[in-house]
C-alpha atoms as a PDB file:
ATOM      1  CA  MET A   1       0.000   0.000   0.000  1.00  0.00           C
ATOM      2  CA  LYS A   2       1.337   3.410  -0.971  1.00  0.00           C
ATOM      3  CA  SER A   3       2.249   5.609   1.965  1.00  0.00           C
ATOM      4  CA  LYS A   4       0.269   8.760   2.686  1.00  0.00           C
ATOM      5  CA  PRO A   5       1.457  12.205   1.594  1.00  0.00           C
ATOM      6  CA  GLU A   6       3.975  13.922   3.844  1.00  0.00           C
ATOM      7  CA  LEU A   7       3.657  17.529   4.988  1.00  0.00           C
ATOM      8  CA  ILE A   8       6.471  19.958   4.226  1.00  0.00           C
ATOM      9  CA  VAL A   9       6.188  22.844   6.669  1.00  0.00           C
ATOM     10  CA  MET A  10       7.205  26.012   4.832  1.00  0.00           C
ATOM     11  CA  LEU A  11       8.358  28.928   6.966  1.00  0.00           C
ATOM     12  CA  THR A  12       6.992  31.291   4.354  1.00  0.00           C
ATOM     13  CA  HIS A  13       4.184  33.770   3.852  1.00  0.00           C
ATOM     14  CA  ASN A  14       3.175  35.031   0.411  1.00  0.00           C
ATOM     15  CA  ASP A  15       6.095  33.145  -1.169  1.00  0.00           C
ATOM     16  CA  LYS A  16       8.761  34.754   1.024  1.00  0.00           C
ATOM     17  CA  THR A  17      10.568  33.382   4.072  1.00  0.00           C
ATOM     18  CA  VAL A  18       9.272  35.014   7.244  1.00  0.00           C
ATOM     19  CA  PRO A  19      11.800  37.217   9.077  1.00  0.00           C
ATOM     20  CA  ASN A  20      11.458  35.195  12.314  1.00  0.00           C
ATOM     21  CA  ALA A  21      11.816  31.802  10.632  1.00  0.00           C
ATOM     22  CA  ILE A  22      14.469  30.582  13.096  1.00  0.00           C
ATOM     23  CA  GLU A  23      12.295  31.517  16.072  1.00  0.00           C
ATOM     24  CA  VAL A  24       9.257  29.756  14.565  1.00  0.00           C
ATOM     25  CA  PHE A  25      11.241  26.608  13.826  1.00  0.00           C
ATOM     26  CA  GLU A  26      12.719  26.464  17.309  1.00  0.00           C
ATOM     27  CA  ALA A  27       9.201  26.678  18.759  1.00  0.00           C
ATOM     28  CA  CYS A  28       7.954  23.887  16.482  1.00  0.00           C
ATOM     29  CA  LYS A  29      10.862  21.470  16.018  1.00  0.00           C
ATOM     30  CA  GLU A  30       9.378  18.927  18.428  1.00  0.00           C
ATOM     31  CA  THR A  31       6.229  18.526  16.303  1.00  0.00           C
ATOM     32  CA  LYS A  32       5.626  15.443  14.164  1.00  0.00           C
ATOM     33  CA  ALA A  33       6.732  17.209  10.970  1.00  0.00           C
ATOM     34  CA  LYS A  34       9.819  15.620   9.425  1.00  0.00           C
ATOM     35  CA  TYR A  35      10.062  17.833   6.334  1.00  0.00           C
ATOM     36  CA  TRP A  36      10.787  21.560   6.570  1.00  0.00           C
ATOM     37  CA  GLY A  37      11.582  24.284   4.067  1.00  0.00           C
ATOM     38  CA  PHE A  38      11.544  27.922   3.085  1.00  0.00           C
ATOM     39  CA  LYS A  39      12.120  30.245   0.136  1.00  0.00           C
ATOM     40  CA  GLU A  40      15.274  31.776  -1.296  1.00  0.00           C
ATOM     41  CA  VAL A  41      14.212  35.309  -0.339  1.00  0.00           C
ATOM     42  CA  GLY A  42      13.239  36.868   2.976  1.00  0.00           C
ATOM     43  CA  ILE A  43      16.269  36.264   5.202  1.00  0.00           C
ATOM     44  CA  PRO A  44      20.036  36.656   4.608  1.00  0.00           C
ATOM     45  CA  VAL A  45      22.070  33.680   3.424  1.00  0.00           C
ATOM     46  CA  GLU A  46      23.906  33.389   6.749  1.00  0.00           C
ATOM     47  CA  GLU A  47      20.558  33.038   8.536  1.00  0.00           C
ATOM     48  CA  MET A  48      19.502  30.471   5.934  1.00  0.00           C
ATOM     49  CA  LYS A  49      22.613  28.411   6.715  1.00  0.00           C
ATOM     50  CA  ASP A  50      21.917  28.670  10.435  1.00  0.00           C
ATOM     51  CA  LEU A  51      18.310  27.576   9.952  1.00  0.00           C
ATOM     52  CA  VAL A  52      19.254  24.605   7.760  1.00  0.00           C
ATOM     53  CA  ASN A  53      21.815  23.519  10.343  1.00  0.00           C
ATOM     54  CA  ARG A  54      19.209  23.737  13.095  1.00  0.00           C
ATOM     55  CA  MET A  55      16.760  21.698  11.022  1.00  0.00           C
ATOM     56  CA  LYS A  56      19.336  19.006  10.303  1.00  0.00           C
ATOM     57  CA  ALA A  57      20.425  18.890  13.941  1.00  0.00           C
ATOM     58  CA  ALA A  58      16.778  18.178  14.774  1.00  0.00           C
ATOM     59  CA  GLY A  59      16.707  15.308  12.240  1.00  0.00           C
ATOM     60  CA  LYS A  60      14.655  17.106   9.597  1.00  0.00           C
ATOM     61  CA  THR A  61      14.817  16.819   5.803  1.00  0.00           C
ATOM     62  CA  THR A  62      15.303  20.282   4.285  1.00  0.00           C
ATOM     63  CA  PHE A  63      13.815  21.923   1.199  1.00  0.00           C
ATOM     64  CA  LEU A  64      14.597  25.206  -0.541  1.00  0.00           C
ATOM     65  CA  GLU A  65      11.912  26.412  -2.938  1.00  0.00           C
ATOM     66  CA  VAL A  66      13.216  28.924  -5.475  1.00  0.00           C
ATOM     67  CA  VAL A  67      10.630  31.141  -7.159  1.00  0.00           C
ATOM     68  CA  ASP A  68      12.447  32.510 -10.180  1.00  0.00           C
ATOM     69  CA  TYR A  69      11.855  32.206 -13.899  1.00  0.00           C
ATOM     70  CA  THR A  70      15.140  33.296 -15.506  1.00  0.00           C
ATOM     71  CA  GLU A  71      18.088  30.964 -16.057  1.00  0.00           C
ATOM     72  CA  ASP A  72      20.485  33.223 -14.152  1.00  0.00           C
ATOM     73  CA  GLY A  73      18.092  33.596 -11.230  1.00  0.00           C
ATOM     74  CA  CYS A  74      17.289  29.900 -11.084  1.00  0.00           C
ATOM     75  CA  LEU A  75      20.960  28.926 -11.221  1.00  0.00           C
ATOM     76  CA  ALA A  76      21.732  31.402  -8.449  1.00  0.00           C
ATOM     77  CA  GLY A  77      18.992  29.783  -6.366  1.00  0.00           C
ATOM     78  CA  ALA A  78      20.470  26.351  -6.993  1.00  0.00           C
ATOM     79  CA  LYS A  79      23.878  27.595  -5.843  1.00  0.00           C
ATOM     80  CA  THR A  80      22.299  28.996  -2.685  1.00  0.00           C
ATOM     81  CA  ALA A  81      20.662  25.623  -2.009  1.00  0.00           C
ATOM     82  CA  VAL A  82      24.025  23.876  -2.288  1.00  0.00           C
ATOM     83  CA  GLU A  83      25.853  26.516  -0.243  1.00  0.00           C
ATOM     84  CA  CYS A  84      23.319  26.198   2.583  1.00  0.00           C
ATOM     85  CA  GLY A  85      23.331  22.399   2.529  1.00  0.00           C
ATOM     86  CA  PHE A  86      19.710  21.698   1.649  1.00  0.00           C
ATOM     87  CA  ASP A  87      18.616  18.142   0.879  1.00  0.00           C
ATOM     88  CA  ILE A  88      16.179  19.047  -1.900  1.00  0.00           C
ATOM     89  CA  LEU A  89      15.913  21.976  -4.318  1.00  0.00           C
ATOM     90  CA  MET A  90      12.333  22.687  -5.337  1.00  0.00           C
ATOM     91  CA  GLY A  91      11.159  25.219  -7.860  1.00  0.00           C
ATOM     92  CA  THR A  92      13.093  27.048 -10.576  1.00  0.00           C
ATOM     93  CA  MET A  93      12.124  26.595 -14.167  1.00  0.00           C
ATOM     94  CA  PHE A  94      14.014  23.643 -15.624  1.00  0.00           C
ATOM     95  CA  PHE A  95      17.267  24.538 -17.339  1.00  0.00           C
ATOM     96  CA  PRO A  96      19.934  22.009 -18.393  1.00  0.00           C
ATOM     97  CA  SER A  97      22.543  24.245 -16.747  1.00  0.00           C
ATOM     98  CA  ILE A  98      20.949  23.637 -13.330  1.00  0.00           C
ATOM     99  CA  LEU A  99      20.905  19.880 -13.776  1.00  0.00           C
ATOM    100  CA  GLU A 100      24.522  20.005 -14.955  1.00  0.00           C
ATOM    101  CA  TYR A 101      25.537  22.121 -11.946  1.00  0.00           C
ATOM    102  CA  LEU A 102      23.814  19.736  -9.521  1.00  0.00           C
ATOM    103  CA  ALA A 103      25.133  16.560 -11.180  1.00  0.00           C
ATOM    104  CA  ASP A 104      27.951  16.008  -8.678  1.00  0.00           C
ATOM    105  CA  LYS A 105      26.150  17.540  -5.682  1.00  0.00           C
ATOM    106  CA  SER A 106      24.284  15.649  -2.973  1.00  0.00           C
ATOM    107  CA  ILE A 107      20.987  17.428  -3.544  1.00  0.00           C
ATOM    108  CA  LYS A 108      17.807  16.318  -5.314  1.00  0.00           C
ATOM    109  CA  TYR A 109      16.113  18.538  -7.906  1.00  0.00           C
ATOM    110  CA  MET A 110      12.348  19.059  -8.241  1.00  0.00           C
ATOM    111  CA  PRO A 111      11.667  21.851 -10.762  1.00  0.00           C
ATOM    112  CA  PHE A 112       8.407  23.590 -11.571  1.00  0.00           C
ATOM    113  CA  VAL A 113       6.525  22.601 -14.718  1.00  0.00           C
ATOM    114  CA  GLY A 114       4.080  24.609 -16.811  1.00  0.00           C
ATOM    115  CA  ASP A 115       3.859  28.305 -17.645  1.00  0.00           C
ATOM    116  CA  ILE A 116       4.506  30.115 -14.355  1.00  0.00           C
ATOM    117  CA  HIS A 117       4.689  33.812 -13.588  1.00  0.00           C
ATOM    118  CA  ASP A 118       4.323  36.370 -10.782  1.00  0.00           C
ATOM    119  CA  ARG A 119       5.006  36.035  -7.053  1.00  0.00           C
ATOM    120  CA  PRO A 120       2.968  34.477  -5.437  1.00  0.00           C
ATOM    121  CA  SER A 121       3.121  32.197  -8.464  1.00  0.00           C
ATOM    122  CA  ILE A 122       0.371  31.567 -11.004  1.00  0.00           C
ATOM    123  CA  LEU A 123       0.397  28.395 -13.141  1.00  0.00           C
ATOM    124  CA  GLU A 124      -0.988  28.302 -16.675  1.00  0.00           C
ATOM    125  CA  GLY A 125      -0.894  25.885 -19.612  1.00  0.00           C
ATOM    126  CA  SER A 126      -2.922  22.858 -20.675  1.00  0.00           C
ATOM    127  CA  ILE A 127      -2.980  19.832 -18.420  1.00  0.00           C
ATOM    128  CA  GLU A 128      -1.623  17.710 -21.267  1.00  0.00           C
ATOM    129  CA  SER A 129       1.320  20.058 -21.849  1.00  0.00           C
ATOM    130  CA  ILE A 130       2.189  20.227 -18.138  1.00  0.00           C
ATOM    131  CA  ILE A 131       2.146  16.437 -17.789  1.00  0.00           C
ATOM    132  CA  GLY A 132       3.996  16.048 -21.076  1.00  0.00           C
ATOM    133  CA  GLU A 133       6.733  18.430 -19.972  1.00  0.00           C
ATOM    134  CA  ALA A 134       7.230  16.493 -16.755  1.00  0.00           C
ATOM    135  CA  ASN A 135       7.504  13.199 -18.563  1.00  0.00           C
ATOM    136  CA  THR A 136      10.175  14.573 -20.900  1.00  0.00           C
ATOM    137  CA  LEU A 137      12.262  15.734 -17.912  1.00  0.00           C
ATOM    138  CA  ILE A 138      12.298  12.449 -15.985  1.00  0.00           C
ATOM    139  CA  PRO A 139      14.776  10.745 -18.367  1.00  0.00           C
ATOM    140  CA  LYS A 140      17.058  13.777 -18.078  1.00  0.00           C
ATOM    141  CA  GLY A 141      17.617  13.052 -14.403  1.00  0.00           C
ATOM    142  CA  VAL A 142      15.337  15.251 -12.297  1.00  0.00           C
ATOM    143  CA  TYR A 143      14.213  13.648  -9.041  1.00  0.00           C
ATOM    144  CA  GLY A 144      10.613  14.828  -9.118  1.00  0.00           C
ATOM    145  CA  PHE A 145       8.394  17.878  -9.546  1.00  0.00           C
ATOM    146  CA  ASP A 146       7.123  20.926  -7.703  1.00  0.00           C
ATOM    147  CA  LEU A 147       3.527  21.205  -8.943  1.00  0.00           C
ATOM    148  CA  LEU A 148       1.736  24.468  -8.205  1.00  0.00           C
ATOM    149  CA  GLY A 149      -1.594  22.698  -8.543  1.00  0.00           C
ATOM    150  CA  TYR A 150      -3.770  25.051  -6.538  1.00  0.00           C
ATOM    151  CA  ARG A 151      -2.209  28.055  -8.244  1.00  0.00           C
ATOM    152  CA  TYR A 152      -3.477  26.708 -11.601  1.00  0.00           C
ATOM    153  CA  THR A 153      -5.819  28.938 -13.600  1.00  0.00           C
ATOM    154  CA  GLY A 154      -7.595  25.912 -15.108  1.00  0.00           C
ATOM    155  CA  ASP A 155      -9.210  22.891 -13.436  1.00  0.00           C
ATOM    156  CA  ALA A 156      -6.880  22.417 -10.477  1.00  0.00           C
ATOM    157  CA  GLU A 157      -8.504  19.223  -9.270  1.00  0.00           C
ATOM    158  CA  GLU A 158      -8.168  17.520 -12.660  1.00  0.00           C
ATOM    159  CA  LEU A 159      -4.552  18.653 -12.983  1.00  0.00           C
ATOM    160  CA  ASN A 160      -3.587  17.424  -9.512  1.00  0.00           C
ATOM    161  CA  GLU A 161      -5.277  14.051  -9.884  1.00  0.00           C
ATOM    162  CA  ARG A 162      -3.954  13.357 -13.376  1.00  0.00           C
ATOM    163  CA  PHE A 163      -0.436  14.628 -12.717  1.00  0.00           C
ATOM    164  CA  VAL A 164       0.091  12.340  -9.737  1.00  0.00           C
ATOM    165  CA  LYS A 165      -1.302   9.371 -11.693  1.00  0.00           C
ATOM    166  CA  GLU A 166       0.444  10.001 -15.001  1.00  0.00           C
ATOM    167  CA  VAL A 167       3.889  11.177 -13.880  1.00  0.00           C
ATOM    168  CA  ASP A 168       6.080   8.392 -12.503  1.00  0.00           C
ATOM    169  CA  ALA A 169       8.190  10.476 -10.130  1.00  0.00           C
ATOM    170  CA  PRO A 170       7.835  12.074  -6.696  1.00  0.00           C
ATOM    171  CA  VAL A 171       5.386  14.991  -6.778  1.00  0.00           C
ATOM    172  CA  CYS A 172       5.156  17.831  -4.288  1.00  0.00           C
ATOM    173  CA  LEU A 173       1.781  19.560  -4.451  1.00  0.00           C
ATOM    174  CA  ALA A 174       2.782  23.073  -3.443  1.00  0.00           C
ATOM    175  CA  GLY A 175       0.891  26.243  -2.637  1.00  0.00           C
ATOM    176  CA  SER A 176      -2.544  27.369  -1.452  1.00  0.00           C
ATOM    177  CA  ILE A 177      -3.520  24.298   0.571  1.00  0.00           C
ATOM    178  CA  SER A 178      -5.507  26.268   3.106  1.00  0.00           C
ATOM    179  CA  SER A 179      -8.421  24.170   4.376  1.00  0.00           C
ATOM    180  CA  TYR A 180      -9.278  20.681   5.554  1.00  0.00           C
ATOM    181  CA  ASP A 181     -11.556  20.333   2.532  1.00  0.00           C
ATOM    182  CA  ARG A 182      -8.591  20.884   0.237  1.00  0.00           C
ATOM    183  CA  LEU A 183      -6.468  18.619   2.429  1.00  0.00           C
ATOM    184  CA  ASP A 184      -9.026  15.838   1.867  1.00  0.00           C
ATOM    185  CA  ARG A 185      -8.380  16.110  -1.869  1.00  0.00           C
ATOM    186  CA  VAL A 186      -4.624  16.062  -1.377  1.00  0.00           C
ATOM    187  CA  ILE A 187      -4.985  12.844   0.630  1.00  0.00           C
ATOM    188  CA  ALA A 188      -7.101  11.358  -2.167  1.00  0.00           C
ATOM    189  CA  TYR A 189      -4.589  12.284  -4.907  1.00  0.00           C
ATOM    190  CA  ASN A 190      -1.750  11.022  -2.710  1.00  0.00           C
ATOM    191  CA  PRO A 191       1.294  12.951  -3.932  1.00  0.00           C
ATOM    192  CA  TRP A 192       4.637  12.243  -2.265  1.00  0.00           C
ATOM    193  CA  THR A 193       4.535  15.534  -0.358  1.00  0.00           C
ATOM    194  CA  PHE A 194       2.613  18.788  -0.098  1.00  0.00           C
ATOM    195  CA  THR A 195       3.451  22.171   1.382  1.00  0.00           C
ATOM    196  CA  ILE A 196       1.686  24.403   3.869  1.00  0.00           C
ATOM    197  CA  GLY A 197       3.169  27.762   4.835  1.00  0.00           C
ATOM    198  CA  SER A 198       0.985  30.866   4.681  1.00  0.00           C
ATOM    199  CA  ALA A 199      -2.084  28.938   5.861  1.00  0.00           C
ATOM    200  CA  PHE A 200      -0.395  28.088   9.165  1.00  0.00           C
ATOM    201  CA  PHE A 201       0.584  31.726   9.703  1.00  0.00           C
ATOM    202  CA  ASP A 202      -3.022  32.721   8.897  1.00  0.00           C
ATOM    203  CA  ASN A 203      -4.414  30.087  11.322  1.00  0.00           C
ATOM    204  CA  LYS A 204      -6.377  28.298   8.602  1.00  0.00           C
ATOM    205  CA  PHE A 205      -5.952  24.948  10.372  1.00  0.00           C
ATOM    206  CA  GLY A 206      -7.306  25.864  13.753  1.00  0.00           C
ATOM    207  CA  GLU A 207      -8.425  29.260  14.993  1.00  0.00           C
ATOM    208  CA  GLY A 208      -6.704  29.865  18.297  1.00  0.00           C
ATOM    209  CA  LEU A 209      -4.166  27.080  17.774  1.00  0.00           C
ATOM    210  CA  SER A 210      -0.464  27.815  17.746  1.00  0.00           C
ATOM    211  CA  PHE A 211       1.688  27.203  14.677  1.00  0.00           C
ATOM    212  CA  ALA A 212       2.980  23.995  16.273  1.00  0.00           C
ATOM    213  CA  GLU A 213      -0.506  22.790  17.201  1.00  0.00           C
ATOM    214  CA  GLN A 214      -1.728  23.325  13.649  1.00  0.00           C
ATOM    215  CA  ILE A 215       1.175  21.267  12.282  1.00  0.00           C
ATOM    216  CA  ASP A 216       0.342  18.309  14.486  1.00  0.00           C
ATOM    217  CA  SER A 217      -3.382  18.683  13.778  1.00  0.00           C
ATOM    218  CA  VAL A 218      -2.733  18.380  10.047  1.00  0.00           C
ATOM    219  CA  ILE A 219      -0.421  15.390  10.436  1.00  0.00           C
ATOM    220  CA  GLU A 220      -2.845  13.623  12.782  1.00  0.00           C
ATOM    221  CA  TYR A 221      -5.695  14.311  10.341  1.00  0.00           C
ATOM    222  CA  ILE A 222      -3.706  12.669   7.530  1.00  0.00           C
ATOM    223  CA  GLU A 223      -2.893   9.685   9.723  1.00  0.00           C
ATOM    224  CA  LYS A 224      -6.599   9.165  10.512  1.00  0.00           C
ATOM    225  CA  ASN A 225      -7.767   9.547   6.936  1.00  0.00           C
END
């Protein structure tokens, strides 16, 4: 039986790392969440390194999500991910130069797919073209994909369901998962992982609950369903 999707806690709000990310992590590191990440903007690189080190010391798997659409910007984000010691690089548009740069590095690469613009990101393109793009990248050596399913301007539910079924690689369903109703659908589609960031800061998973309590509430909900 396939395992259930894993939560990646993102210390981000509106696609930027929150200024007090270290403080939030320290208050929440004893929760059940094993996967943690943040964005390439919002705090200085030295703080990013410190935060990654704290996450790893606590036994967490670390993710950097880079929201950039130019080759130079995406490659710079990849270099930041390596410099800080992240386990997985998510985001960036796919460029062969990034894959080449990461070839001898101990980091896994999960690029965006589709036509993406703005910040917070918006995803456009046909479902067939998005799935087709992913399937052409797998043989090139990417580990998996960062799918901005709920940022999609078309039928998000159809995209999410079909992408997970038709792409034979790990899928992270990222962005705008902000209710238990939407979480039910994520559980049904069963991607490898999914992200929640802004919704925790906005108390979408329990009015009056702390950030840490919301994390455990989500994980316990997945375990029960």
